[in-house]
Amino acid sequence: MRYQTVSPLPLIRGAKVFLLSALMCGAAVNPGVAQIKVAFSIEKETSAFRQSVAAAAANDKAIAEFYHDSDYAPIWMGQGQEARRSALLAALSDAGVHGLPVARYDVAELIAAAKAARTEGDRGRLDVRMTRALLDYARDVQTGALVPGKVVNEIKLEVPVRDRRANLEAFAASDPVAFLKSLPPRTQAYAQLMRTKFELEQRSDWGPQVAAKSLKPGATGPAVLQLRDRLVALNYLPRSVTASYDAAIQKAVQAFQTDMGLEANGVANAATIKQLNIGPQERLKSVIVAMERERWMNIDRGPRHIWVNLTDFTARIVDHGRVTFTTRSVIGALNADRQSPEFSDTMEYLVINPTWNIPRSITTKEYLPMMQRNPNAVGHLNVVDNRGRVVPRSAINFASYSARTFPYSMKQPPSSSNALGLVKFMFPNVYNIYLHDTPSKSLFNREVRAFSHGCIRLSDPFDFAYALLAAQTDDPVGLFQSYLKSGRETNVSLEVPVPVHLVYYTAYPSASGRMEYRRDVYGRDAAIFRALTDAGVVLGAHQG
């Protein structure tokens, strides 16, 4: 008998009363017996469904409470719920469109179980299985299939995992198709990444690779034809029959270099050719990882926020979705202990003419060994005791201390030669990471700018400060310069704190909508793609 969502209790009670009266009066009971059989059949089926649901959901608090509070009404297996089942199975089957592991949701097994279900116990267990599949898919497509910190330790993001009970209640109260479509990130970047993923899946290659170490304008020969055809395949050049490295090819190379974060000089040097020769499958990996990262960042980023993409070596101020300021940056060095972490926080104030309070790890690992060899080494730095008093170097036997027992700290007073430069931008965090000026300006001319101890150095820190302060004063330059000229360390609060996001995207759309790619300088995206593959993500157009 098909399970009815209507409560059978009134029918059962009526049947019992009828049977009792008939027996007491000695009347014929055949009609009542039939009614009782129906009633007790429904009661038995209802009990079997409830018991199987309760047992199947027992180890999941959110699911168990939801079923309990709804009096164990079916979510999927009741009458009129075909649309819910169809919508869920379609979404699970198409999870590969989002670069998710389709196999994780056992779609084929769910369908097989539905066909094989015979008893109310079977249907109750299947109802819970489909509910779990819904919540697993909702979590993955909303906020990512991986836990980032378990894949790469330096990713310190607080992923905004949605409340499972709230998701379940929202689904139950919504049109199923509309609800499922609302789950992925609603950003333009995510939509563009999805389109790019589809386009890349249609290509097995972009034709022959460019077989040259370097090519310059004016060159001819087979390698130039390969360069031309590659640029055509990548949509940087219209179809052409030119056989020489002419002005059109040079312009296309410049556009490609810009999109790859290379020096846009129009010369196809070794770095440019290396990027040109990367095939669609490798780009597809970057896009799939970027989609996962976009799900990790499925948060309100703030109408005004600071976006530091480590792989792009830039820091940007974004106002209502539009980049209003950009500056080059230097990020943490490639050494494992110096790489800049990924996280979000809130910038609260600027420090003009900052003192550099040198982290203990740098003091004991770098400077103490130098001072043990020569007490006057790094003489521009002060050694201070735990009360903040400067201690003469002659009063310290550096050789008698180890990194663990060294009782002093070190500071660098404000100056134009201070390692932090003349301004730092503070978003207090447990990682001791901030944005700051630097006297080492030459590093900003490098393509790969990974040289710091982890903090983010800015090429144009004064202009960055002016852009931030413009939100609270009509004369940001005058205000900033007045504090700067005093020579004193001064904190300037931001009247409206600004969210800061340190992120790591090797693939993302530009303002024009064209995809840009960057090098995986820390190797983090490679680790994430391996983890996605281990979870069941499959490359290709037909997954799912």
Protein backbone atom coordinates (compact mmCIF):
# COMPACT_ATOMS: atom_id res chain seq x y z
CA MET A 1 0.00 0.00 0.00
CA ARG A 2 1.31 3.46 -0.85
CA TYR A 3 2.23 5.50 2.21
CA GLN A 4 -0.18 8.37 2.95
CA THR A 5 0.97 11.51 4.73
CA VAL A 6 -2.46 11.87 6.37
CA SER A 7 -2.52 10.71 9.99
CA PRO A 8 -4.31 7.29 10.28
CA LEU A 9 -5.10 7.68 13.97
CA PRO A 10 -8.77 8.80 13.61
CA LEU A 11 -9.44 5.85 11.30
CA ILE A 12 -7.73 3.46 13.69
CA ARG A 13 -9.64 4.78 16.70
CA GLY A 14 -12.95 4.55 14.77
CA ALA A 15 -12.24 0.97 13.78
CA LYS A 16 -11.46 -0.03 17.36
CA VAL A 17 -14.69 1.55 18.65
CA PHE A 18 -16.71 -0.19 15.92
CA LEU A 19 -15.15 -3.58 16.74
CA LEU A 20 -15.75 -3.22 20.48
CA SER A 21 -19.41 -2.25 19.98
CA ALA A 22 -20.04 -5.06 17.54
CA LEU A 23 -18.57 -7.67 19.82
CA MET A 24 -20.57 -6.45 22.82
CA CYS A 25 -23.85 -6.53 20.87
CA GLY A 26 -23.14 -9.81 19.15
CA ALA A 27 -23.57 -8.18 15.78
CA ALA A 28 -21.98 -9.28 12.54
CA VAL A 29 -18.48 -7.83 12.27
CA ASN A 30 -17.44 -8.49 8.68
CA PRO A 31 -17.54 -4.80 7.55
CA GLY A 32 -15.73 -3.71 10.70
CA VAL A 33 -13.09 -6.36 10.33
CA ALA A 34 -12.30 -5.08 6.85
CA GLN A 35 -12.06 -1.53 8.17
CA ILE A 36 -9.85 -2.65 11.05
CA LYS A 37 -7.52 -4.49 8.69
CA VAL A 38 -7.10 -1.32 6.66
CA ALA A 39 -6.57 0.79 9.75
CA PHE A 40 -4.05 -1.48 11.37
CA SER A 41 -2.27 -1.92 8.05
CA ILE A 42 -1.82 1.85 7.84
CA GLU A 43 -0.74 2.01 11.48
CA LYS A 44 1.80 -0.73 10.88
CA GLU A 45 3.16 0.94 7.77
CA THR A 46 3.33 4.32 9.52
CA SER A 47 5.18 2.79 12.42
CA ALA A 48 7.62 1.01 10.10
CA PHE A 49 8.37 4.23 8.22
CA ARG A 50 8.85 6.25 11.42
CA GLN A 51 11.05 3.61 13.01
CA SER A 52 13.25 3.22 9.95
CA VAL A 53 13.63 7.01 9.62
CA ALA A 54 14.44 7.38 13.31
CA ALA A 55 17.04 4.61 13.16
CA ALA A 56 18.63 5.85 9.93
CA ALA A 57 18.85 9.46 11.16
CA ALA A 58 19.93 8.68 14.72
CA ASN A 59 23.61 9.57 14.22
CA ASP A 60 22.89 12.92 12.55
CA LYS A 61 21.52 15.53 14.95
CA ALA A 62 20.27 18.00 12.33
CA ILE A 63 18.44 15.37 10.29
CA ALA A 64 17.08 13.53 13.33
CA GLU A 65 15.68 16.73 14.86
CA PHE A 66 14.13 17.84 11.57
CA TYR A 67 12.25 14.55 11.10
CA HIS A 68 11.23 14.49 14.76
CA ASP A 69 9.87 18.04 14.64
CA SER A 70 7.91 17.29 11.46
CA ASP A 71 6.42 14.14 13.03
CA TYR A 72 8.48 11.98 10.63
CA ALA A 73 6.64 13.18 7.54
CA PRO A 74 8.47 12.01 4.42
CA ILE A 75 10.55 14.57 2.53
CA TRP A 76 10.99 12.52 -0.63
CA MET A 77 8.87 9.35 -0.58
CA GLY A 78 5.39 10.69 0.03
CA GLN A 79 2.69 11.38 -2.52
CA GLY A 80 3.26 14.41 -4.75
CA GLN A 81 7.00 14.55 -4.04
CA GLU A 82 8.17 13.35 -7.43
CA ALA A 83 9.34 16.89 -8.31
CA ARG A 84 11.63 16.95 -5.27
CA ARG A 85 13.17 13.61 -6.15
CA SER A 86 13.67 14.58 -9.78
CA ALA A 87 15.22 17.95 -8.89
CA LEU A 88 17.66 16.41 -6.42
CA LEU A 89 18.74 13.54 -8.68
CA ALA A 90 19.26 15.97 -11.58
CA ALA A 91 21.38 18.29 -9.43
CA LEU A 92 23.48 15.42 -8.09
CA SER A 93 23.98 14.02 -11.58
CA ASP A 94 25.13 17.43 -12.83
CA ALA A 95 27.46 18.12 -9.89
CA GLY A 96 30.40 17.69 -12.27
CA VAL A 97 29.40 20.96 -13.93
CA HIS A 98 30.62 22.61 -10.73
CA GLY A 99 33.80 20.57 -10.61
CA LEU A 100 32.41 18.48 -7.74
CA PRO A 101 32.89 14.74 -7.13
CA VAL A 102 29.72 13.20 -8.60
CA ALA A 103 30.53 9.75 -7.20
CA ARG A 104 30.33 11.14 -3.66
CA TYR A 105 26.54 11.39 -3.91
CA ASP A 106 25.84 7.79 -5.09
CA VAL A 107 23.23 8.88 -7.62
CA ALA A 108 23.01 5.47 -9.32
CA GLU A 109 22.66 3.76 -5.96
CA LEU A 110 19.89 6.14 -4.91
CA ILE A 111 17.99 5.42 -8.12
CA ALA A 112 18.50 1.67 -7.69
CA ALA A 113 17.32 1.85 -4.08
CA ALA A 114 14.21 3.76 -5.13
CA LYS A 115 13.34 1.10 -7.70
CA ALA A 116 13.97 -1.70 -5.22
CA ALA A 117 12.01 -0.15 -2.32
CA ARG A 118 9.09 -2.40 -1.38
CA THR A 119 8.32 -1.79 2.27
CA GLU A 120 7.75 1.33 4.31
CA GLY A 121 10.99 0.52 6.11
CA ASP A 122 12.81 0.64 2.75
CA ARG A 123 11.17 3.94 1.94
CA GLY A 124 12.02 5.42 5.32
CA ARG A 125 15.70 4.53 4.99
CA LEU A 126 15.76 5.90 1.44
CA ASP A 127 14.12 9.13 2.58
CA VAL A 128 16.99 9.71 5.02
CA ARG A 129 19.61 8.77 2.41
CA MET A 130 18.23 11.34 0.00
CA THR A 131 18.17 13.95 2.76
CA ARG A 132 21.84 13.25 3.50
CA ALA A 133 22.67 13.51 -0.20
CA LEU A 134 20.90 16.87 -0.36
CA LEU A 135 22.83 18.24 2.61
CA ASP A 136 26.17 16.89 1.34
CA TYR A 137 25.61 18.46 -2.06
CA ALA A 138 24.44 21.75 -0.50
CA ARG A 139 27.58 21.95 1.63
CA ASP A 140 29.90 21.13 -1.28
CA VAL A 141 28.37 23.50 -3.82
CA GLN A 142 27.91 26.34 -1.34
CA THR A 143 31.20 26.27 0.54
CA GLY A 144 33.47 23.67 -1.04
CA ALA A 145 34.04 19.94 -1.20
CA LEU A 146 37.31 20.17 0.77
CA VAL A 147 38.37 21.54 4.14
CA PRO A 148 41.13 23.90 2.95
CA GLY A 149 43.32 23.83 6.07
CA LYS A 150 43.50 20.04 5.90
CA VAL A 151 44.87 20.23 2.35
CA VAL A 152 47.27 23.16 2.75
CA ASN A 153 48.19 24.28 6.23
CA GLU A 154 48.82 27.88 5.17
CA ILE A 155 45.19 28.30 4.09
CA LYS A 156 43.66 29.77 7.24
CA LEU A 157 40.28 30.70 5.75
CA GLU A 158 37.21 30.40 7.94
CA VAL A 159 34.97 28.69 5.42
CA PRO A 160 31.34 29.83 5.84
CA VAL A 161 29.70 26.41 6.17
CA ARG A 162 25.92 26.88 6.24
CA ASP A 163 23.78 25.43 9.02
CA ARG A 164 22.49 22.04 7.88
CA ARG A 165 19.16 22.29 9.68
CA ALA A 166 18.57 25.73 8.14
CA ASN A 167 19.36 24.34 4.68
CA LEU A 168 16.92 21.50 5.21
CA GLU A 169 14.16 23.80 6.40
CA ALA A 170 14.74 26.17 3.49
CA PHE A 171 14.55 23.30 1.03
CA ALA A 172 11.32 21.97 2.54
CA ALA A 173 9.71 25.42 2.23
CA SER A 174 10.95 26.17 -1.32
CA ASP A 175 10.51 25.15 -4.90
CA PRO A 176 13.12 22.37 -5.17
CA VAL A 177 14.60 23.45 -8.50
CA ALA A 178 14.87 27.10 -7.43
CA PHE A 179 16.44 26.14 -4.11
CA LEU A 180 19.10 23.92 -5.70
CA LYS A 181 19.95 26.60 -8.26
CA SER A 182 20.40 29.14 -5.47
CA LEU A 183 23.12 27.17 -3.69
CA PRO A 184 26.33 27.92 -5.71
CA PRO A 185 28.13 31.26 -5.32
CA ARG A 186 26.28 34.04 -7.13
CA THR A 187 29.43 35.96 -8.12
CA GLN A 188 30.26 36.93 -11.68
CA ALA A 189 33.62 35.24 -11.23
CA TYR A 190 32.00 31.89 -10.46
CA ALA A 191 29.71 32.14 -13.48
CA GLN A 192 32.67 32.97 -15.72
CA LEU A 193 34.70 30.09 -14.28
CA MET A 194 31.82 27.72 -15.06
CA ARG A 195 31.64 28.97 -18.65
CA THR A 196 35.39 28.64 -19.05
CA LYS A 197 35.30 25.13 -17.64
CA PHE A 198 32.72 24.14 -20.24
CA GLU A 199 34.75 25.72 -23.06
CA LEU A 200 37.98 24.02 -21.97
CA GLU A 201 36.23 20.66 -21.79
CA GLN A 202 35.43 20.95 -25.50
CA ARG A 203 39.12 21.18 -26.47
CA SER A 204 41.68 18.40 -26.37
CA ASP A 205 44.48 20.78 -27.45
CA TRP A 206 45.21 24.13 -29.07
CA GLY A 207 47.26 22.76 -31.92
CA PRO A 208 51.05 22.24 -32.12
CA GLN A 209 53.14 23.83 -29.39
CA VAL A 210 55.54 26.64 -30.20
CA ALA A 211 58.88 24.91 -30.82
CA ALA A 212 61.23 27.77 -29.98
CA LYS A 213 63.07 29.11 -26.95
CA SER A 214 62.32 32.70 -27.89
CA LEU A 215 60.85 34.71 -30.78
CA LYS A 216 61.09 38.42 -31.53
CA PRO A 217 59.13 40.73 -33.85
CA GLY A 218 60.36 40.37 -37.42
CA ALA A 219 61.11 36.66 -37.08
CA THR A 220 59.93 34.13 -39.67
CA GLY A 221 59.86 30.35 -39.98
CA PRO A 222 57.86 27.37 -38.74
CA ALA A 223 57.92 28.49 -35.08
CA VAL A 224 56.31 31.82 -36.01
CA LEU A 225 53.51 29.93 -37.78
CA GLN A 226 53.05 27.84 -34.62
CA LEU A 227 52.96 31.05 -32.54
CA ARG A 228 50.41 32.58 -34.92
CA ASP A 229 48.18 29.50 -34.87
CA ARG A 230 48.41 29.21 -31.10
CA LEU A 231 47.31 32.82 -30.64
CA VAL A 232 44.42 32.23 -33.05
CA ALA A 233 43.32 29.12 -31.13
CA LEU A 234 43.47 31.08 -27.87
CA ASN A 235 41.36 33.92 -29.35
CA TYR A 236 44.10 36.52 -29.13
CA LEU A 237 44.40 36.86 -32.89
CA PRO A 238 41.86 36.66 -35.72
CA ARG A 239 42.48 34.10 -38.42
CA SER A 240 45.60 35.11 -40.31
CA VAL A 241 47.89 33.88 -43.08
CA THR A 242 50.85 36.03 -42.07
CA ALA A 243 54.17 34.17 -42.05
CA SER A 244 56.16 36.74 -40.10
CA TYR A 245 56.14 38.09 -36.56
CA ASP A 246 54.34 41.28 -37.53
CA ALA A 247 52.68 44.09 -35.56
CA ALA A 248 49.40 42.14 -35.22
CA ILE A 249 51.18 39.17 -33.67
CA GLN A 250 53.18 41.47 -31.41
CA LYS A 251 49.97 43.12 -30.15
CA ALA A 252 48.38 39.70 -29.56
CA VAL A 253 51.46 38.56 -27.63
CA GLN A 254 51.24 41.67 -25.46
CA ALA A 255 47.59 40.97 -24.66
CA PHE A 256 48.45 37.36 -23.81
CA GLN A 257 51.34 38.47 -21.58
CA THR A 258 49.04 40.85 -19.70
CA ASP A 259 46.57 38.04 -19.07
CA MET A 260 49.36 35.80 -17.78
CA GLY A 261 50.89 38.42 -15.47
CA LEU A 262 54.03 38.67 -17.60
CA GLU A 263 55.91 41.76 -18.75
CA ALA A 264 53.84 42.93 -21.71
CA ASN A 265 56.67 43.80 -24.12
CA GLY A 266 55.37 41.86 -27.13
CA VAL A 267 58.44 39.61 -27.23
CA ALA A 268 57.73 35.90 -27.00
CA ASN A 269 60.49 35.06 -24.53
CA ALA A 270 60.95 31.75 -22.72
CA ALA A 271 58.40 32.57 -19.98
CA THR A 272 55.80 33.62 -22.57
CA ILE A 273 56.29 30.53 -24.73
CA LYS A 274 56.06 28.32 -21.64
CA GLN A 275 52.64 29.82 -20.86
CA LEU A 276 51.55 29.58 -24.50
CA ASN A 277 52.37 25.88 -24.57
CA ILE A 278 50.19 25.02 -21.58
CA GLY A 279 47.24 22.97 -22.88
CA PRO A 280 43.53 23.14 -22.09
CA GLN A 281 43.67 20.23 -19.63
CA GLU A 282 46.18 22.04 -17.43
CA ARG A 283 44.16 25.26 -17.60
CA LEU A 284 41.06 23.24 -16.72
CA LYS A 285 42.73 22.11 -13.50
CA SER A 286 43.36 25.73 -12.53
CA VAL A 287 39.74 26.65 -13.27
CA ILE A 288 38.35 23.74 -11.22
CA VAL A 289 40.55 24.72 -8.28
CA ALA A 290 39.48 28.36 -8.66
CA MET A 291 35.84 27.26 -8.49
CA GLU A 292 36.55 25.45 -5.24
CA ARG A 293 38.31 28.55 -3.92
CA GLU A 294 35.36 30.72 -4.95
CA ARG A 295 33.10 28.43 -2.91
CA TRP A 296 35.41 28.87 0.08
CA MET A 297 35.01 32.62 -0.38
CA ASN A 298 31.21 32.48 -0.67
CA ILE A 299 30.83 35.29 1.85
CA ASP A 300 29.89 38.95 1.96
CA ARG A 301 33.27 40.43 1.05
CA GLY A 302 32.20 43.95 1.92
CA PRO A 303 31.04 46.81 -0.33
CA ARG A 304 34.57 48.19 0.04
CA HIS A 305 37.31 45.63 0.57
CA ILE A 306 40.99 44.98 -0.05
CA TRP A 307 41.79 42.04 -2.32
CA VAL A 308 45.36 40.70 -2.18
CA ASN A 309 45.83 37.92 -4.73
CA LEU A 310 49.13 36.36 -3.77
CA THR A 311 49.73 34.74 -7.17
CA ASP A 312 49.17 38.08 -8.95
CA PHE A 313 51.50 40.02 -6.61
CA THR A 314 48.99 42.86 -6.33
CA ALA A 315 46.82 44.53 -3.71
CA ARG A 316 43.57 46.15 -4.87
CA ILE A 317 40.89 48.28 -3.31
CA VAL A 318 37.46 47.22 -4.56
CA ASP A 319 34.43 49.49 -4.22
CA HIS A 320 31.02 47.97 -4.99
CA GLY A 321 32.54 45.40 -7.32
CA ARG A 322 34.83 47.86 -9.16
CA VAL A 323 38.61 48.00 -8.67
CA THR A 324 39.41 51.61 -7.71
CA PHE A 325 43.08 51.24 -6.79
CA THR A 326 45.84 48.74 -7.63
CA THR A 327 49.42 48.48 -6.50
CA ARG A 328 52.14 45.89 -6.96
CA SER A 329 53.05 43.79 -3.96
CA VAL A 330 55.80 41.56 -2.64
CA ILE A 331 54.59 38.43 -0.85
CA GLY A 332 56.22 35.84 1.42
CA ALA A 333 59.24 34.00 0.09
CA LEU A 334 58.98 30.48 -1.34
CA ASN A 335 60.49 28.89 1.79
CA ALA A 336 57.83 26.91 3.62
CA ASP A 337 58.20 28.99 6.80
CA ARG A 338 57.89 32.33 4.99
CA GLN A 339 54.93 31.83 2.68
CA SER A 340 52.08 34.28 3.15
CA PRO A 341 48.95 32.64 4.57
CA GLU A 342 45.45 32.96 3.13
CA PHE A 343 42.78 34.43 5.37
CA SER A 344 40.27 37.26 5.77
CA ASP A 345 40.26 39.92 8.46
CA THR A 346 39.41 43.59 8.92
CA MET A 347 41.78 46.55 8.52
CA GLU A 348 41.28 48.88 11.46
CA TYR A 349 44.08 51.48 11.37
CA LEU A 350 47.26 52.76 9.77
CA VAL A 351 50.55 53.28 11.59
CA ILE A 352 52.56 56.17 10.20
CA ASN A 353 56.30 56.23 11.02
CA PRO A 354 56.07 52.69 12.46
CA THR A 355 58.48 50.97 14.77
CA TRP A 356 59.40 47.50 13.60
CA ASN A 357 58.86 45.11 16.48
CA ILE A 358 60.86 42.23 15.11
CA PRO A 359 59.13 38.84 15.43
CA ARG A 360 60.87 36.53 17.83
CA SER A 361 61.36 33.90 15.14
CA ILE A 362 63.42 36.36 13.09
CA THR A 363 65.27 37.62 16.17
CA THR A 364 66.37 34.16 17.32
CA LYS A 365 66.79 32.37 13.99
CA GLU A 366 68.42 35.12 11.95
CA TYR A 367 69.83 37.91 14.11
CA LEU A 368 70.99 36.06 17.25
CA PRO A 369 73.46 33.84 15.30
CA MET A 370 74.80 37.00 13.59
CA MET A 371 75.26 38.78 16.94
CA GLN A 372 76.92 35.69 18.43
CA ARG A 373 79.54 35.97 15.71
CA ASN A 374 79.74 39.76 15.92
CA PRO A 375 77.92 41.61 18.76
CA ASN A 376 77.71 44.74 16.62
CA ALA A 377 75.98 43.03 13.69
CA VAL A 378 72.69 44.59 12.51
CA GLY A 379 73.63 47.69 14.46
CA HIS A 380 70.63 49.62 13.17
CA LEU A 381 68.43 47.46 15.39
CA ASN A 382 67.93 48.02 19.13
CA VAL A 383 68.10 45.19 21.65
CA VAL A 384 65.49 45.78 24.37
CA ASP A 385 64.62 44.07 27.65
CA ASN A 386 61.19 42.99 28.81
CA ARG A 387 60.50 46.52 30.10
CA GLY A 388 61.16 48.07 26.70
CA ARG A 389 64.53 49.60 27.66
CA VAL A 390 67.37 49.60 25.13
CA VAL A 391 70.23 47.40 26.37
CA PRO A 392 73.82 48.17 25.28
CA ARG A 393 75.27 45.35 23.23
CA SER A 394 78.42 45.44 25.35
CA ALA A 395 76.33 44.36 28.33
CA ILE A 396 75.15 41.16 26.65
CA ASN A 397 77.04 37.88 26.22
CA PHE A 398 75.19 36.67 23.15
CA ALA A 399 77.11 33.40 23.07
CA SER A 400 75.60 32.35 26.41
CA TYR A 401 72.07 32.19 24.97
CA SER A 402 70.21 29.84 22.69
CA ALA A 403 67.19 30.62 20.56
CA ARG A 404 65.00 29.32 23.40
CA THR A 405 66.69 31.18 26.28
CA PHE A 406 67.47 34.55 24.65
CA PRO A 407 65.65 37.00 27.01
CA TYR A 408 65.65 40.08 24.79
CA SER A 409 63.61 41.37 21.89
CA MET A 410 64.63 43.66 19.04
CA LYS A 411 63.17 46.79 17.50
CA GLN A 412 63.92 49.19 14.70
CA PRO A 413 62.94 52.82 15.39
CA PRO A 414 60.95 54.83 12.84
CA SER A 415 62.97 56.05 9.86
CA SER A 416 63.00 56.00 6.08
CA SER A 417 65.29 52.94 6.26
CA ASN A 418 62.94 51.04 8.59
CA ALA A 419 62.10 47.59 7.19
CA LEU A 420 58.41 48.55 7.32
CA GLY A 421 59.05 51.80 5.49
CA LEU A 422 57.00 54.78 6.58
CA VAL A 423 53.53 53.26 6.94
CA LYS A 424 51.92 49.95 7.76
CA PHE A 425 48.29 48.91 7.47
CA MET A 426 46.97 46.89 10.37
CA PHE A 427 44.31 44.19 10.47
CA PRO A 428 45.31 42.57 13.79
CA ASN A 429 45.55 38.79 13.44
CA VAL A 430 47.21 35.83 15.12
CA TYR A 431 49.54 35.36 12.13
CA ASN A 432 51.19 38.79 12.60
CA ILE A 433 50.58 39.60 8.93
CA TYR A 434 49.98 43.14 7.66
CA LEU A 435 50.52 45.35 4.60
CA HIS A 436 53.39 47.84 4.69
CA ASP A 437 55.82 50.11 2.90
CA THR A 438 59.43 49.02 2.27
CA PRO A 439 62.73 50.71 1.47
CA SER A 440 63.54 47.84 -0.95
CA LYS A 441 61.81 49.26 -4.02
CA SER A 442 63.80 47.40 -6.67
CA LEU A 443 61.99 44.11 -5.99
CA PHE A 444 58.76 45.52 -7.44
CA ASN A 445 60.29 45.34 -10.91
CA ARG A 446 60.46 41.53 -10.76
CA GLU A 447 57.75 39.36 -12.36
CA VAL A 448 57.75 36.91 -9.45
CA ARG A 449 57.83 38.92 -6.24
CA ALA A 450 58.12 36.43 -3.37
CA PHE A 451 60.77 37.77 -0.99
CA SER A 452 59.23 38.81 2.36
CA HIS A 453 58.92 37.00 5.67
CA GLY A 454 55.19 36.66 5.04
CA CYS A 455 53.83 40.21 5.25
CA ILE A 456 52.69 42.05 2.12
CA ARG A 457 54.91 44.89 0.91
CA LEU A 458 53.28 47.57 -1.25
CA SER A 459 54.86 49.44 -4.15
CA ASP A 460 52.67 52.56 -3.68
CA PRO A 461 51.89 52.64 0.04
CA PHE A 462 51.27 56.41 0.25
CA ASP A 463 48.73 56.35 -2.59
CA PHE A 464 47.16 53.28 -0.98
CA ALA A 465 46.83 55.26 2.28
CA TYR A 466 45.36 58.27 0.45
CA ALA A 467 42.74 56.04 -1.21
CA LEU A 468 41.72 54.56 2.15
CA LEU A 469 41.64 57.90 3.98
CA ALA A 470 39.66 59.59 1.19
CA ALA A 471 36.56 57.91 2.63
CA GLN A 472 36.84 59.97 5.81
CA THR A 473 38.53 63.26 4.91
CA ASP A 474 38.48 65.80 2.11
CA ASP A 475 42.26 66.13 2.30
CA PRO A 476 43.74 62.63 2.65
CA VAL A 477 47.14 63.72 1.34
CA GLY A 478 47.42 66.65 3.76
CA LEU A 479 46.29 64.56 6.71
CA PHE A 480 48.72 61.75 5.96
CA GLN A 481 51.66 64.06 5.27
CA SER A 482 51.12 66.03 8.45
CA TYR A 483 51.57 62.89 10.53
CA LEU A 484 54.44 61.70 8.36
CA LYS A 485 56.42 64.96 8.71
CA SER A 486 56.15 64.81 12.50
CA GLY A 487 58.47 61.82 12.52
CA ARG A 488 56.50 60.35 15.42
CA GLU A 489 54.83 56.98 15.36
CA THR A 490 51.10 57.70 14.94
CA ASN A 491 48.06 55.47 14.68
CA VAL A 492 45.28 56.67 12.38
CA SER A 493 42.03 54.75 12.73
CA LEU A 494 39.80 53.98 9.77
CA GLU A 495 36.37 55.33 10.67
CA VAL A 496 34.85 52.47 8.66
CA PRO A 497 37.05 49.36 8.98
CA VAL A 498 37.74 47.65 5.67
CA PRO A 499 37.68 43.85 5.13
CA VAL A 500 40.95 42.41 3.84
CA HIS A 501 41.11 39.15 1.88
CA LEU A 502 44.44 37.43 1.26
CA VAL A 503 43.62 34.92 -1.48
CA TYR A 504 45.42 32.68 -3.97
CA TYR A 505 43.78 32.38 -7.41
CA THR A 506 45.76 31.08 -10.38
CA ALA A 507 42.70 31.50 -12.63
CA TYR A 508 40.18 34.32 -12.55
CA PRO A 509 38.32 36.57 -15.01
CA SER A 510 39.56 40.09 -15.72
CA ALA A 511 37.24 43.10 -15.78
CA SER A 512 36.79 42.50 -19.52
CA GLY A 513 35.64 38.93 -18.90
CA ARG A 514 38.72 37.28 -20.38
CA MET A 515 40.32 34.60 -18.20
CA GLU A 516 43.67 35.39 -16.65
CA TYR A 517 46.09 32.79 -15.34
CA ARG A 518 48.98 32.97 -12.90
CA ARG A 519 51.78 30.66 -11.84
CA ASP A 520 51.24 28.36 -8.87
CA VAL A 521 54.17 29.92 -7.00
CA TYR A 522 53.62 28.06 -3.71
CA GLY A 523 52.33 24.83 -5.27
CA ARG A 524 49.06 25.14 -3.35
CA ASP A 525 46.75 24.69 -6.32
CA ALA A 526 48.52 21.47 -7.29
CA ALA A 527 47.88 20.13 -3.79
CA ILE A 528 44.22 21.19 -3.93
CA PHE A 529 43.67 19.56 -7.31
CA ARG A 530 45.20 16.31 -6.04
CA ALA A 531 42.82 16.41 -3.08
CA LEU A 532 39.85 17.06 -5.38
CA THR A 533 40.90 14.14 -7.56
CA ASP A 534 41.19 11.92 -4.50
CA ALA A 535 37.66 13.03 -3.54
CA GLY A 536 36.36 11.91 -6.94
CA VAL A 537 36.55 14.96 -9.21
CA VAL A 538 37.08 13.91 -12.83
CA LEU A 539 38.42 16.01 -15.70
CA GLY A 540 36.39 16.00 -18.88
CA ALA A 541 33.18 17.14 -20.49
CA HIS A 542 31.09 14.10 -19.65
CA GLN A 543 31.58 13.62 -15.92
CA GLY A 544 28.25 13.04 -14.21
